Amino acid sequence: MSFVVEIQPEILPKTDNSVGIDLGIKTFATLSDGTKVDAPKPLKKRIKKLRKLSKSLSHKTKGSKRYEKARVRVAKFHAKLKDTLDRFST
């Protein structure tokens, strides 16, 4: 099944108001006018957990089995955190 739709593009009015956005971790977004947007609560929780896992990894002896397990745990969690950041920012 195929659908073809023709529409007329709508021309938006021009304005001089533009805003730049800087995405970060400590403050989720900072606008060019100085307004700061805090990170959503689930994101803050995950960042706290990542900090805890990283600290645990730093206490392990490099090359040990426990170090490898902790390193894998941090890597997996970091991937989940990146996915969460992507989801919140789009």
N, C-alpha and C. Protein backbone atom coordinates (compact mmCIF):
# COMPACT_ATOMS: atom_id res chain seq x y z
N MET A 1 0.84 -1.15 0.00
CA MET A 1 0.00 0.00 0.00
C MET A 1 0.90 1.23 0.00
N SER A 2 0.50 2.21 -0.75
CA SER A 2 1.30 3.43 -0.85
C SER A 2 0.37 4.64 -0.78
N PHE A 3 0.82 5.66 -0.09
CA PHE A 3 0.06 6.89 0.03
C PHE A 3 0.89 8.04 -0.51
N VAL A 4 0.29 8.90 -1.28
CA VAL A 4 0.96 10.09 -1.78
C VAL A 4 0.13 11.28 -1.34
N VAL A 5 0.77 12.20 -0.65
CA VAL A 5 0.07 13.37 -0.13
C VAL A 5 0.80 14.61 -0.60
N GLU A 6 0.05 15.54 -1.14
CA GLU A 6 0.64 16.81 -1.56
C GLU A 6 0.16 17.91 -0.63
N ILE A 7 1.11 18.64 -0.08
CA ILE A 7 0.75 19.75 0.79
C ILE A 7 1.54 20.99 0.37
N GLN A 8 0.99 22.12 0.70
CA GLN A 8 1.67 23.38 0.43
C GLN A 8 2.52 23.72 1.66
N PRO A 9 3.82 23.97 1.47
CA PRO A 9 4.65 24.30 2.63
C PRO A 9 4.21 25.62 3.26
N GLU A 10 4.18 25.63 4.58
CA GLU A 10 3.76 26.82 5.31
C GLU A 10 5.00 27.67 5.62
N ILE A 11 4.97 28.91 5.24
CA ILE A 11 6.10 29.81 5.48
C ILE A 11 5.90 30.46 6.84
N LEU A 12 6.89 30.27 7.70
CA LEU A 12 6.81 30.81 9.06
C LEU A 12 7.30 32.25 9.06
N PRO A 13 6.74 33.08 9.95
CA PRO A 13 7.19 34.48 10.01
C PRO A 13 8.62 34.55 10.55
N LYS A 14 9.39 35.50 10.01
CA LYS A 14 10.77 35.67 10.45
C LYS A 14 10.80 36.44 11.77
N THR A 15 11.67 35.99 12.67
CA THR A 15 11.85 36.67 13.95
C THR A 15 13.34 36.85 14.20
N ASP A 16 13.66 37.80 15.07
CA ASP A 16 15.05 38.03 15.45
C ASP A 16 15.42 37.27 16.72
N ASN A 17 14.46 36.55 17.29
CA ASN A 17 14.70 35.81 18.53
C ASN A 17 15.30 34.45 18.20
N SER A 18 16.53 34.25 18.63
CA SER A 18 17.15 32.93 18.46
C SER A 18 17.82 32.57 19.78
N VAL A 19 17.85 31.29 20.06
CA VAL A 19 18.41 30.81 21.32
C VAL A 19 19.41 29.72 21.03
N GLY A 20 20.59 29.80 21.64
CA GLY A 20 21.58 28.73 21.55
C GLY A 20 21.43 27.82 22.76
N ILE A 21 21.65 26.52 22.55
CA ILE A 21 21.49 25.55 23.63
C ILE A 21 22.79 24.78 23.80
N ASP A 22 23.26 24.69 25.05
CA ASP A 22 24.45 23.91 25.37
C ASP A 22 24.01 22.77 26.27
N LEU A 23 24.13 21.52 25.78
CA LEU A 23 23.75 20.36 26.57
C LEU A 23 24.92 19.91 27.42
N GLY A 24 24.63 19.57 28.67
CA GLY A 24 25.68 19.13 29.58
C GLY A 24 25.15 18.06 30.52
N ILE A 25 25.94 17.73 31.52
CA ILE A 25 25.51 16.72 32.48
C ILE A 25 25.09 17.36 33.78
N LYS A 26 25.88 18.28 34.30
CA LYS A 26 25.56 18.91 35.58
C LYS A 26 24.24 19.69 35.45
N THR A 27 24.16 20.58 34.48
CA THR A 27 22.88 21.20 34.13
C THR A 27 22.53 20.64 32.75
N PHE A 28 21.35 20.10 32.62
CA PHE A 28 20.97 19.38 31.40
C PHE A 28 21.12 20.26 30.17
N ALA A 29 20.65 21.50 30.28
CA ALA A 29 20.76 22.42 29.15
C ALA A 29 20.94 23.84 29.68
N THR A 30 21.79 24.60 29.01
CA THR A 30 21.97 26.01 29.33
C THR A 30 21.66 26.80 28.07
N LEU A 31 20.73 27.72 28.18
CA LEU A 31 20.34 28.53 27.03
C LEU A 31 21.25 29.75 26.93
N SER A 32 21.32 30.33 25.75
CA SER A 32 22.22 31.46 25.53
C SER A 32 21.83 32.70 26.34
N ASP A 33 20.60 32.77 26.81
CA ASP A 33 20.20 33.91 27.63
C ASP A 33 20.51 33.68 29.12
N GLY A 34 21.16 32.53 29.44
CA GLY A 34 21.57 32.26 30.82
C GLY A 34 20.64 31.35 31.59
N THR A 35 19.50 31.01 31.02
CA THR A 35 18.55 30.13 31.68
C THR A 35 19.12 28.72 31.75
N LYS A 36 19.05 28.12 32.94
CA LYS A 36 19.56 26.75 33.11
C LYS A 36 18.39 25.80 33.34
N VAL A 37 18.44 24.67 32.64
CA VAL A 37 17.41 23.65 32.76
C VAL A 37 18.02 22.46 33.49
N ASP A 38 17.45 22.09 34.64
CA ASP A 38 17.98 20.97 35.41
C ASP A 38 17.71 19.65 34.71
N ALA A 39 18.55 18.67 35.01
CA ALA A 39 18.39 17.34 34.44
C ALA A 39 17.16 16.66 35.04
N PRO A 40 16.47 15.84 34.26
CA PRO A 40 15.34 15.09 34.80
C PRO A 40 15.80 14.16 35.91
N LYS A 41 14.90 13.85 36.85
CA LYS A 41 15.26 13.06 38.02
C LYS A 41 15.86 11.68 37.68
N PRO A 42 15.30 10.93 36.72
CA PRO A 42 15.90 9.63 36.41
C PRO A 42 17.35 9.76 35.95
N LEU A 43 17.66 10.82 35.27
CA LEU A 43 19.03 11.04 34.80
C LEU A 43 19.96 11.28 35.97
N LYS A 44 19.52 12.08 36.94
CA LYS A 44 20.34 12.35 38.11
C LYS A 44 20.64 11.07 38.88
N LYS A 45 19.63 10.20 39.01
CA LYS A 45 19.81 8.92 39.69
C LYS A 45 20.86 8.07 38.99
N ARG A 46 20.78 8.02 37.68
CA ARG A 46 21.71 7.19 36.91
C ARG A 46 23.13 7.73 36.99
N ILE A 47 23.28 9.05 36.98
CA ILE A 47 24.61 9.64 37.10
C ILE A 47 25.20 9.29 38.47
N LYS A 48 24.37 9.32 39.50
CA LYS A 48 24.83 8.97 40.85
C LYS A 48 25.29 7.52 40.89
N LYS A 49 24.55 6.62 40.23
CA LYS A 49 24.92 5.21 40.21
C LYS A 49 26.22 5.01 39.43
N LEU A 50 26.39 5.73 38.33
CA LEU A 50 27.62 5.63 37.54
C LEU A 50 28.82 6.07 38.38
N ARG A 51 28.64 7.13 39.15
CA ARG A 51 29.71 7.61 40.03
C ARG A 51 30.10 6.53 41.03
N LYS A 52 29.09 5.86 41.60
CA LYS A 52 29.34 4.79 42.57
C LYS A 52 30.08 3.62 41.93
N LEU A 53 29.64 3.21 40.74
CA LEU A 53 30.30 2.09 40.05
C LEU A 53 31.74 2.44 39.68
N SER A 54 31.97 3.67 39.25
CA SER A 54 33.32 4.10 38.88
C SER A 54 34.24 4.11 40.10
N LYS A 55 33.70 4.56 41.21
CA LYS A 55 34.49 4.59 42.44
C LYS A 55 34.85 3.17 42.86
N SER A 56 33.90 2.25 42.74
CA SER A 56 34.14 0.85 43.08
C SER A 56 35.23 0.27 42.18
N LEU A 57 35.19 0.62 40.90
CA LEU A 57 36.20 0.14 39.96
C LEU A 57 37.59 0.65 40.33
N SER A 58 37.68 1.90 40.77
CA SER A 58 38.98 2.47 41.08
C SER A 58 39.65 1.81 42.28
N HIS A 59 38.86 1.13 43.14
CA HIS A 59 39.41 0.46 44.32
C HIS A 59 39.92 -0.95 44.01
N LYS A 60 39.64 -1.45 42.82
CA LYS A 60 40.05 -2.81 42.45
C LYS A 60 41.49 -2.80 41.92
N THR A 61 42.14 -3.96 42.03
CA THR A 61 43.50 -4.12 41.51
C THR A 61 43.43 -4.41 40.02
N LYS A 62 44.16 -3.61 39.24
CA LYS A 62 44.13 -3.80 37.78
C LYS A 62 44.58 -5.20 37.41
N GLY A 63 43.86 -5.81 36.47
CA GLY A 63 44.20 -7.14 35.99
C GLY A 63 43.50 -8.26 36.72
N SER A 64 42.86 -7.97 37.85
CA SER A 64 42.17 -9.04 38.60
C SER A 64 40.82 -9.33 37.97
N LYS A 65 40.24 -10.47 38.34
CA LYS A 65 38.93 -10.85 37.82
C LYS A 65 37.85 -9.87 38.30
N ARG A 66 37.97 -9.48 39.56
CA ARG A 66 36.98 -8.53 40.09
C ARG A 66 37.07 -7.18 39.38
N TYR A 67 38.28 -6.77 39.00
CA TYR A 67 38.46 -5.53 38.24
C TYR A 67 37.75 -5.64 36.89
N GLU A 68 37.92 -6.78 36.23
CA GLU A 68 37.28 -6.98 34.92
C GLU A 68 35.75 -6.97 35.04
N LYS A 69 35.23 -7.63 36.08
CA LYS A 69 33.77 -7.64 36.29
C LYS A 69 33.26 -6.21 36.52
N ALA A 70 33.97 -5.46 37.35
CA ALA A 70 33.58 -4.08 37.64
C ALA A 70 33.69 -3.21 36.40
N ARG A 71 34.74 -3.43 35.60
CA ARG A 71 34.94 -2.65 34.38
C ARG A 71 33.80 -2.89 33.40
N VAL A 72 33.39 -4.16 33.27
CA VAL A 72 32.28 -4.49 32.37
C VAL A 72 30.99 -3.86 32.87
N ARG A 73 30.78 -3.89 34.21
CA ARG A 73 29.59 -3.29 34.80
C ARG A 73 29.53 -1.79 34.49
N VAL A 74 30.67 -1.12 34.63
CA VAL A 74 30.73 0.32 34.35
C VAL A 74 30.48 0.58 32.87
N ALA A 75 31.06 -0.23 32.00
CA ALA A 75 30.90 -0.04 30.55
C ALA A 75 29.44 -0.22 30.14
N LYS A 76 28.79 -1.25 30.66
CA LYS A 76 27.38 -1.49 30.32
C LYS A 76 26.51 -0.35 30.83
N PHE A 77 26.78 0.08 32.06
CA PHE A 77 25.96 1.15 32.63
C PHE A 77 26.19 2.45 31.88
N HIS A 78 27.42 2.69 31.46
CA HIS A 78 27.75 3.91 30.71
C HIS A 78 26.98 3.92 29.39
N ALA A 79 26.85 2.76 28.74
CA ALA A 79 26.10 2.67 27.49
C ALA A 79 24.62 2.99 27.74
N LYS A 80 24.08 2.48 28.85
CA LYS A 80 22.68 2.77 29.20
C LYS A 80 22.49 4.26 29.48
N LEU A 81 23.48 4.85 30.16
CA LEU A 81 23.40 6.28 30.48
C LEU A 81 23.42 7.11 29.20
N LYS A 82 24.26 6.73 28.26
CA LYS A 82 24.33 7.45 26.99
C LYS A 82 23.00 7.36 26.26
N ASP A 83 22.38 6.18 26.29
CA ASP A 83 21.07 5.99 25.66
C ASP A 83 20.03 6.89 26.34
N THR A 84 20.10 6.97 27.66
CA THR A 84 19.16 7.82 28.40
C THR A 84 19.37 9.29 28.04
N LEU A 85 20.62 9.71 27.97
CA LEU A 85 20.91 11.10 27.58
C LEU A 85 20.36 11.41 26.20
N ASP A 86 20.56 10.48 25.26
CA ASP A 86 20.06 10.66 23.90
C ASP A 86 18.54 10.78 23.90
N ARG A 87 17.89 9.93 24.70
CA ARG A 87 16.43 9.94 24.75
C ARG A 87 15.89 11.24 25.31
N PHE A 88 16.54 11.77 26.36
CA PHE A 88 16.07 13.02 26.98
C PHE A 88 16.37 14.24 26.12
N SER A 89 17.44 14.18 25.35
CA SER A 89 17.85 15.37 24.59
C SER A 89 17.18 15.49 23.23
N THR A 90 16.48 14.45 22.77
CA THR A 90 15.82 14.58 21.47
C THR A 90 14.33 14.69 21.62
